[in-house]
Protein backbone atom coordinates (compact mmCIF):
# COMPACT_ATOMS: atom_id res chain seq x y z
CA MET A 1 32.59 112.67 154.98
CA PRO A 2 33.22 109.69 157.29
CA ASN A 3 36.32 107.54 156.98
CA LEU A 4 36.20 103.85 156.19
CA SER A 5 37.71 103.23 159.64
CA ASP A 6 34.83 105.20 161.23
CA TYR A 7 32.41 102.85 159.54
CA PHE A 8 34.23 99.69 160.66
CA ASP A 9 34.46 101.03 164.23
CA HIS A 10 30.71 101.76 164.39
CA ALA A 11 29.09 99.43 161.85
CA PRO A 12 25.35 99.06 162.61
CA PRO A 13 24.78 95.30 163.13
CA LYS A 14 21.24 95.40 161.72
CA LEU A 15 22.49 96.78 158.38
CA GLN A 16 25.63 94.65 158.02
CA PRO A 17 24.12 91.76 156.03
CA TYR A 18 23.02 94.10 153.23
CA VAL A 19 26.09 96.34 152.93
CA GLY A 20 28.38 96.59 149.94
CA ILE A 21 31.68 98.47 149.87
CA SER A 22 33.38 99.18 146.56
CA ASP A 23 36.61 100.74 145.36
CA ILE A 24 35.88 103.28 142.62
CA HIS A 25 38.91 103.88 140.37
CA SER A 26 37.01 105.57 137.51
CA PRO A 27 33.49 105.61 136.02
CA THR A 28 34.35 102.36 134.21
CA LYS A 29 36.61 100.60 136.73
CA MET A 30 35.05 99.60 140.06
CA THR A 31 35.90 96.67 142.34
CA LEU A 32 33.71 95.10 144.99
CA ARG A 33 35.68 95.27 148.26
CA LEU A 34 33.12 93.67 150.59
CA MET A 35 29.63 92.22 150.29
CA GLY A 36 27.46 91.52 153.32
CA THR A 37 26.33 87.99 154.13
CA GLY A 38 22.67 88.75 153.35
CA LEU A 39 23.56 89.88 149.83
CA VAL A 40 25.85 86.88 149.39
CA GLU A 41 22.95 84.58 150.36
CA LEU A 42 20.58 86.32 147.95
CA GLY A 43 23.10 85.96 145.13
CA GLY A 44 24.30 82.45 145.94
CA HIS A 45 27.99 83.39 145.77
CA ASP A 46 30.42 86.00 147.07
CA PRO A 47 31.59 88.34 144.29
CA THR A 48 34.08 90.16 146.56
CA GLY A 49 37.05 91.24 144.46
CA ALA A 50 35.06 91.13 141.20
CA ALA A 51 34.49 94.04 138.86
CA LEU A 52 31.37 95.76 140.20
CA GLU A 53 30.11 96.65 136.73
CA LEU A 54 29.78 92.95 135.84
CA LEU A 55 26.87 92.70 138.30
CA TYR A 56 24.93 95.17 136.10
CA SER A 57 23.45 94.65 132.63
CA GLU A 58 25.44 96.26 129.86
CA LYS A 59 22.71 98.79 129.05
CA ILE A 60 22.96 100.48 132.49
CA ARG A 61 26.69 100.20 133.26
CA ALA A 62 27.62 103.63 131.90
CA SER A 63 24.88 105.52 133.78
CA MET A 64 25.59 103.61 137.00
CA GLY A 65 29.33 104.27 136.66
CA LYS A 66 28.78 107.98 136.02
CA ALA A 67 26.55 108.31 139.10
CA VAL A 68 28.93 106.40 141.38
CA TRP A 69 31.85 108.48 140.09
CA GLY A 70 29.83 111.58 141.01
CA VAL A 71 29.33 110.23 144.53
CA VAL A 72 33.08 109.99 145.15
CA THR A 73 34.26 113.07 143.26
CA MET A 74 31.63 115.67 144.18
CA PRO A 75 31.01 114.18 146.91
CA THR A 76 27.30 113.48 147.06
CA ALA A 77 25.01 110.53 147.78
CA TYR A 78 21.91 109.01 146.24
CA LEU A 79 18.93 106.80 146.85
CA CYS A 80 18.17 104.32 144.09
CA VAL A 81 16.03 101.36 143.13
CA ARG A 82 17.56 98.31 141.48
CA SER A 83 15.55 95.81 139.46
CA ILE A 84 17.39 92.53 139.84
CA ARG A 85 16.63 89.45 137.76
CA ARG A 86 16.45 86.18 139.65
CA HIS A 87 17.52 82.90 138.03
CA SER A 88 13.84 82.07 137.46
CA GLY A 89 13.41 85.29 135.49
CA ARG A 90 11.38 87.01 138.21
CA ILE A 91 12.39 90.59 139.02
CA LEU A 92 13.20 91.75 142.54
CA GLU A 93 12.97 95.47 143.31
CA GLY A 94 15.36 96.69 145.98
CA ALA A 95 15.95 100.20 147.29
CA SER A 96 19.38 101.29 148.47
CA ILE A 97 21.50 104.25 149.45
CA CYS A 98 25.00 104.96 148.13
CA LEU A 99 27.37 107.11 150.20
CA PRO A 100 31.04 108.09 149.83
CA LEU A 101 33.68 107.12 152.39
CA LEU A 102 37.18 108.50 152.85
CA ASN A 103 40.13 106.16 153.06
CA HIS A 104 43.42 108.04 153.21
CA SER A 105 45.48 104.86 152.83
CA ALA A 106 43.75 103.67 149.64
CA THR A 107 44.54 104.43 146.02
CA ALA A 108 40.84 104.28 145.08
CA ASN A 109 37.76 106.20 146.16
CA ILE A 110 35.27 104.21 148.23
CA VAL A 111 31.47 104.00 148.32
CA ILE A 112 29.26 102.15 150.75
CA THR A 113 25.82 100.92 149.77
CA TYR A 114 23.03 99.64 151.99
CA ALA A 115 20.32 97.60 150.25
CA ASN A 116 16.80 96.96 151.51
CA PHE A 117 14.63 93.98 150.53
CA SER A 118 11.33 92.74 151.90
CA ILE A 119 11.18 89.63 154.08
CA ASN A 120 9.19 87.86 151.34
CA ASP A 121 11.99 88.43 148.82
CA MET A 122 14.64 87.12 151.19
CA LYS A 123 12.94 83.87 152.18
CA PHE A 124 13.18 82.44 148.64
CA ALA A 125 16.88 83.23 148.24
CA ASP A 126 18.17 79.65 148.32
CA GLN A 127 15.61 78.50 145.72
CA ASP A 128 15.69 81.52 143.38
CA GLN A 129 18.92 83.47 143.66
CA LEU A 130 19.77 86.87 142.24
CA GLU A 131 21.49 86.95 138.88
CA LEU A 132 21.97 90.43 137.40
CA VAL A 133 20.86 94.03 137.96
CA GLN A 134 18.60 94.70 134.96
CA ASP A 135 17.61 98.27 135.74
CA TRP A 136 18.90 100.92 138.07
CA ARG A 137 17.51 104.37 138.68
CA VAL A 138 18.37 107.18 141.06
CA THR A 139 15.25 108.34 142.88
CA HIS A 140 16.87 111.15 144.95
CA TRP A 141 20.25 112.85 145.15
CA ILE A 142 21.42 113.83 148.62
CA ASP A 143 23.42 117.04 148.99
CA LEU A 144 26.33 116.48 151.38
CA GLY A 145 27.46 120.09 151.06
CA ALA A 146 28.96 120.10 147.56
CA GLY A 147 25.70 120.05 145.60
CA VAL A 148 24.27 117.29 143.43
CA PRO A 149 24.80 116.36 139.76
CA ASP A 150 22.62 117.94 137.08
């Protein structure tokens, strides 16, 4: 598993705007450590330092927290699709990958997420910003050598 410092030393510039890094303390306590500028633009504000679970609707928080906890404790990784409500009510579908990172100096486990949105979705960001993740579903688990959750 790569270290957080490995990531910062070799961060791919093309992916940087759509990266999120979070501290995972438990399945119910997660804090957003860093959000890329592209995601900040899509959302209209920078939620860095906020509770990650507050970006998700209440109905999916438990399942999201359980999956992310699995990523850092197993460790494993997953591909997912998020359905994100815009302020207008329209839904944006975005695929992403969630991977664990080591950080020996931290008291929390760390995950890194890369999101992917189409050009058409991004060009309306300043007029119709993202509000809340309404649905979230894992499409594939990725075995990093320790297996995957049931």
